[in-house]
Amino acid sequence: MISRRSRSTNALLQRSADSGLPKNEEKFKKLHGEDIFEFKSFQVRIFCFVEKERSIILTNGFIKKKARTPGSEIERAKDLRKEYEKGRQK
């Protein structure tokens, strides 16, 4: 059974794929000082980056349980982006 949270997150990602990145900062925002963005749906957070202003590359996600986003999750997204870019250079 798919939860309400999963349906909402899937719908947000599908709308982004169909219509482009959300303009609503409550659903999508750039993290300060980073080239990493955050999709937000209830407590679900999915990090991503935009490649060539056309492709949205999802890196990692988690269920947010505290008021602040853990720095370790942001660092993980940055590391995954570097790994992706390194692989693209080959």
N, C-alpha and C. Protein backbone atom coordinates (compact mmCIF):
# COMPACT_ATOMS: atom_id res chain seq x y z
N MET A 1 0.85 -1.18 0.00
CA MET A 1 0.00 0.00 0.00
C MET A 1 0.89 1.25 0.00
N ILE A 2 0.61 2.16 -0.88
CA ILE A 2 1.40 3.39 -0.99
C ILE A 2 0.83 4.43 -0.03
N SER A 3 1.69 5.02 0.76
CA SER A 3 1.26 6.00 1.75
C SER A 3 0.95 7.35 1.09
N ARG A 4 0.24 8.16 1.80
CA ARG A 4 -0.08 9.52 1.34
C ARG A 4 1.20 10.30 1.08
N ARG A 5 2.17 10.12 1.94
CA ARG A 5 3.46 10.80 1.80
C ARG A 5 4.14 10.40 0.48
N SER A 6 4.12 9.12 0.17
CA SER A 6 4.72 8.63 -1.08
C SER A 6 3.99 9.15 -2.30
N ARG A 7 2.67 9.15 -2.26
CA ARG A 7 1.88 9.65 -3.39
C ARG A 7 2.16 11.13 -3.63
N SER A 8 2.24 11.90 -2.56
CA SER A 8 2.50 13.33 -2.67
C SER A 8 3.89 13.60 -3.23
N THR A 9 4.87 12.86 -2.76
CA THR A 9 6.24 13.01 -3.24
C THR A 9 6.34 12.62 -4.71
N ASN A 10 5.74 11.51 -5.07
CA ASN A 10 5.75 11.07 -6.47
C ASN A 10 5.08 12.10 -7.37
N ALA A 11 3.96 12.67 -6.92
CA ALA A 11 3.25 13.68 -7.71
C ALA A 11 4.12 14.93 -7.90
N LEU A 12 4.82 15.35 -6.86
CA LEU A 12 5.71 16.52 -6.95
C LEU A 12 6.81 16.27 -7.97
N LEU A 13 7.43 15.11 -7.91
CA LEU A 13 8.50 14.78 -8.86
C LEU A 13 7.96 14.66 -10.28
N GLN A 14 6.78 14.07 -10.44
CA GLN A 14 6.19 13.93 -11.77
C GLN A 14 5.84 15.29 -12.37
N ARG A 15 5.26 16.19 -11.56
CA ARG A 15 4.95 17.54 -12.05
C ARG A 15 6.22 18.26 -12.48
N SER A 16 7.30 18.07 -11.74
CA SER A 16 8.57 18.70 -12.08
C SER A 16 9.11 18.16 -13.40
N ALA A 17 8.97 16.87 -13.61
CA ALA A 17 9.42 16.26 -14.86
C ALA A 17 8.59 16.76 -16.03
N ASP A 18 7.31 16.95 -15.81
CA ASP A 18 6.41 17.36 -16.89
C ASP A 18 6.45 18.87 -17.16
N SER A 19 6.56 19.68 -16.10
CA SER A 19 6.37 21.13 -16.23
C SER A 19 7.57 21.97 -15.84
N GLY A 20 8.63 21.35 -15.38
CA GLY A 20 9.79 22.12 -14.93
C GLY A 20 9.81 22.26 -13.42
N LEU A 21 10.86 22.86 -12.93
CA LEU A 21 11.05 22.98 -11.49
C LEU A 21 9.95 23.84 -10.84
N PRO A 22 9.51 23.44 -9.65
CA PRO A 22 8.48 24.22 -8.95
C PRO A 22 8.99 25.62 -8.60
N LYS A 23 8.10 26.58 -8.66
CA LYS A 23 8.43 27.96 -8.28
C LYS A 23 8.17 28.20 -6.79
N ASN A 24 7.36 27.36 -6.20
CA ASN A 24 6.98 27.48 -4.80
C ASN A 24 8.12 27.02 -3.90
N GLU A 25 8.68 27.94 -3.10
CA GLU A 25 9.81 27.59 -2.23
C GLU A 25 9.42 26.63 -1.11
N GLU A 26 8.14 26.46 -0.87
CA GLU A 26 7.73 25.47 0.13
C GLU A 26 7.85 24.06 -0.42
N LYS A 27 7.96 23.93 -1.73
CA LYS A 27 8.09 22.62 -2.36
C LYS A 27 9.48 22.38 -2.94
N PHE A 28 10.20 23.46 -3.24
CA PHE A 28 11.50 23.32 -3.90
C PHE A 28 12.32 24.57 -3.64
N LYS A 29 13.56 24.38 -3.16
CA LYS A 29 14.40 25.55 -2.94
C LYS A 29 15.87 25.20 -3.08
N LYS A 30 16.65 26.21 -3.38
CA LYS A 30 18.10 26.06 -3.46
C LYS A 30 18.65 26.22 -2.06
N LEU A 31 19.57 25.34 -1.70
CA LEU A 31 20.20 25.46 -0.39
C LEU A 31 21.21 26.60 -0.43
N HIS A 32 21.27 27.36 0.62
CA HIS A 32 22.12 28.54 0.68
C HIS A 32 23.58 28.21 0.38
N GLY A 33 24.14 28.93 -0.59
CA GLY A 33 25.56 28.78 -0.91
C GLY A 33 25.93 27.49 -1.61
N GLU A 34 24.96 26.74 -2.07
CA GLU A 34 25.24 25.45 -2.70
C GLU A 34 24.58 25.40 -4.07
N ASP A 35 25.02 24.48 -4.90
CA ASP A 35 24.33 24.20 -6.15
C ASP A 35 23.48 22.95 -5.99
N ILE A 36 23.02 22.75 -4.78
CA ILE A 36 22.16 21.63 -4.43
C ILE A 36 20.77 22.21 -4.12
N PHE A 37 19.75 21.52 -4.62
CA PHE A 37 18.37 21.93 -4.40
C PHE A 37 17.67 20.87 -3.56
N GLU A 38 16.52 21.26 -3.00
CA GLU A 38 15.78 20.37 -2.11
C GLU A 38 14.30 20.35 -2.50
N PHE A 39 13.80 19.17 -2.86
CA PHE A 39 12.36 18.97 -3.00
C PHE A 39 11.82 18.71 -1.61
N LYS A 40 10.65 19.30 -1.29
CA LYS A 40 10.06 19.11 0.03
C LYS A 40 8.60 18.70 -0.12
N SER A 41 8.25 17.62 0.53
CA SER A 41 6.87 17.14 0.55
C SER A 41 6.62 16.55 1.92
N PHE A 42 5.84 17.24 2.72
CA PHE A 42 5.64 16.88 4.12
C PHE A 42 7.02 16.76 4.78
N GLN A 43 7.36 15.63 5.36
CA GLN A 43 8.67 15.47 6.01
C GLN A 43 9.72 14.90 5.06
N VAL A 44 9.33 14.55 3.86
CA VAL A 44 10.26 13.96 2.90
C VAL A 44 11.11 15.06 2.27
N ARG A 45 12.41 14.83 2.22
CA ARG A 45 13.35 15.75 1.58
C ARG A 45 14.16 14.95 0.56
N ILE A 46 14.22 15.47 -0.67
CA ILE A 46 15.00 14.83 -1.72
C ILE A 46 15.93 15.89 -2.30
N PHE A 47 17.22 15.63 -2.23
CA PHE A 47 18.20 16.56 -2.77
C PHE A 47 18.46 16.26 -4.24
N CYS A 48 18.82 17.31 -4.97
CA CYS A 48 19.10 17.15 -6.39
C CYS A 48 19.99 18.29 -6.86
N PHE A 49 20.40 18.21 -8.11
CA PHE A 49 21.05 19.32 -8.78
C PHE A 49 20.57 19.34 -10.21
N VAL A 50 20.75 20.46 -10.86
CA VAL A 50 20.29 20.63 -12.23
C VAL A 50 21.50 20.60 -13.15
N GLU A 51 21.43 19.76 -14.16
CA GLU A 51 22.53 19.64 -15.11
C GLU A 51 22.12 20.29 -16.43
N LYS A 52 22.91 21.24 -16.87
CA LYS A 52 22.70 21.92 -18.16
C LYS A 52 21.30 22.52 -18.27
N GLU A 53 20.74 22.95 -17.14
CA GLU A 53 19.42 23.57 -17.08
C GLU A 53 18.33 22.73 -17.75
N ARG A 54 18.57 21.44 -17.82
CA ARG A 54 17.59 20.58 -18.49
C ARG A 54 17.27 19.32 -17.69
N SER A 55 18.27 18.72 -17.12
CA SER A 55 18.09 17.47 -16.39
C SER A 55 18.15 17.71 -14.89
N ILE A 56 17.24 17.06 -14.18
CA ILE A 56 17.24 17.09 -12.71
C ILE A 56 17.82 15.76 -12.25
N ILE A 57 18.94 15.82 -11.55
CA ILE A 57 19.59 14.62 -11.06
C ILE A 57 19.32 14.50 -9.56
N LEU A 58 18.55 13.49 -9.17
CA LEU A 58 18.25 13.25 -7.75
C LEU A 58 19.45 12.57 -7.11
N THR A 59 19.83 13.01 -5.93
CA THR A 59 21.00 12.43 -5.27
C THR A 59 20.61 11.54 -4.10
N ASN A 60 19.91 12.07 -3.15
CA ASN A 60 19.55 11.31 -1.96
C ASN A 60 18.32 11.92 -1.31
N GLY A 61 17.69 11.14 -0.48
CA GLY A 61 16.52 11.62 0.22
C GLY A 61 16.46 11.05 1.63
N PHE A 62 15.62 11.66 2.44
CA PHE A 62 15.47 11.19 3.81
C PHE A 62 14.17 11.75 4.38
N ILE A 63 13.77 11.21 5.52
CA ILE A 63 12.61 11.70 6.25
C ILE A 63 13.13 12.66 7.31
N LYS A 64 12.70 13.89 7.23
CA LYS A 64 13.16 14.92 8.17
C LYS A 64 12.43 14.76 9.50
N LYS A 65 13.20 14.65 10.58
CA LYS A 65 12.60 14.44 11.89
C LYS A 65 12.86 15.59 12.85
N LYS A 66 13.76 16.49 12.47
CA LYS A 66 14.09 17.63 13.32
C LYS A 66 13.89 18.92 12.54
N ALA A 67 13.94 20.04 13.22
CA ALA A 67 13.70 21.33 12.58
C ALA A 67 14.75 21.66 11.52
N ARG A 68 15.99 21.29 11.76
CA ARG A 68 17.06 21.60 10.82
C ARG A 68 17.43 20.38 9.99
N THR A 69 17.80 20.64 8.75
CA THR A 69 18.27 19.57 7.88
C THR A 69 19.67 19.17 8.33
N PRO A 70 19.92 17.89 8.56
CA PRO A 70 21.25 17.46 8.99
C PRO A 70 22.32 17.80 7.95
N GLY A 71 23.41 18.39 8.42
CA GLY A 71 24.52 18.72 7.53
C GLY A 71 25.08 17.51 6.82
N SER A 72 25.01 16.36 7.46
CA SER A 72 25.53 15.13 6.85
C SER A 72 24.75 14.77 5.58
N GLU A 73 23.46 15.07 5.54
CA GLU A 73 22.65 14.78 4.36
C GLU A 73 23.03 15.73 3.21
N ILE A 74 23.30 16.98 3.53
CA ILE A 74 23.73 17.94 2.51
C ILE A 74 25.10 17.55 1.97
N GLU A 75 26.00 17.16 2.85
CA GLU A 75 27.34 16.73 2.43
C GLU A 75 27.25 15.49 1.55
N ARG A 76 26.34 14.58 1.89
CA ARG A 76 26.16 13.38 1.09
C ARG A 76 25.71 13.75 -0.33
N ALA A 77 24.77 14.70 -0.43
CA ALA A 77 24.29 15.16 -1.75
C ALA A 77 25.44 15.78 -2.55
N LYS A 78 26.27 16.57 -1.89
CA LYS A 78 27.41 17.20 -2.58
C LYS A 78 28.41 16.14 -3.04
N ASP A 79 28.67 15.16 -2.19
CA ASP A 79 29.59 14.07 -2.57
C ASP A 79 29.05 13.27 -3.75
N LEU A 80 27.75 12.99 -3.74
CA LEU A 80 27.14 12.24 -4.84
C LEU A 80 27.18 13.04 -6.14
N ARG A 81 27.02 14.35 -6.03
CA ARG A 81 27.13 15.18 -7.23
C ARG A 81 28.55 15.11 -7.81
N LYS A 82 29.55 15.23 -6.94
CA LYS A 82 30.94 15.14 -7.40
C LYS A 82 31.21 13.79 -8.06
N GLU A 83 30.70 12.73 -7.47
CA GLU A 83 30.88 11.38 -8.02
C GLU A 83 30.20 11.28 -9.39
N TYR A 84 29.02 11.84 -9.52
CA TYR A 84 28.30 11.83 -10.79
C TYR A 84 29.10 12.60 -11.86
N GLU A 85 29.58 13.78 -11.50
CA GLU A 85 30.33 14.60 -12.46
C GLU A 85 31.64 13.93 -12.86
N LYS A 86 32.28 13.27 -11.92
CA LYS A 86 33.51 12.55 -12.22
C LYS A 86 33.25 11.43 -13.23
N GLY A 87 32.15 10.73 -13.06
CA GLY A 87 31.77 9.66 -13.97
C GLY A 87 31.41 10.18 -15.36
N ARG A 88 30.86 11.38 -15.44
CA ARG A 88 30.49 11.98 -16.72
C ARG A 88 31.71 12.42 -17.53
N GLN A 89 32.83 12.64 -16.85
CA GLN A 89 34.04 13.12 -17.53
C GLN A 89 34.77 12.00 -18.26
N LYS A 90 34.46 10.76 -17.92
CA LYS A 90 35.17 9.61 -18.52
C LYS A 90 34.77 9.39 -19.95
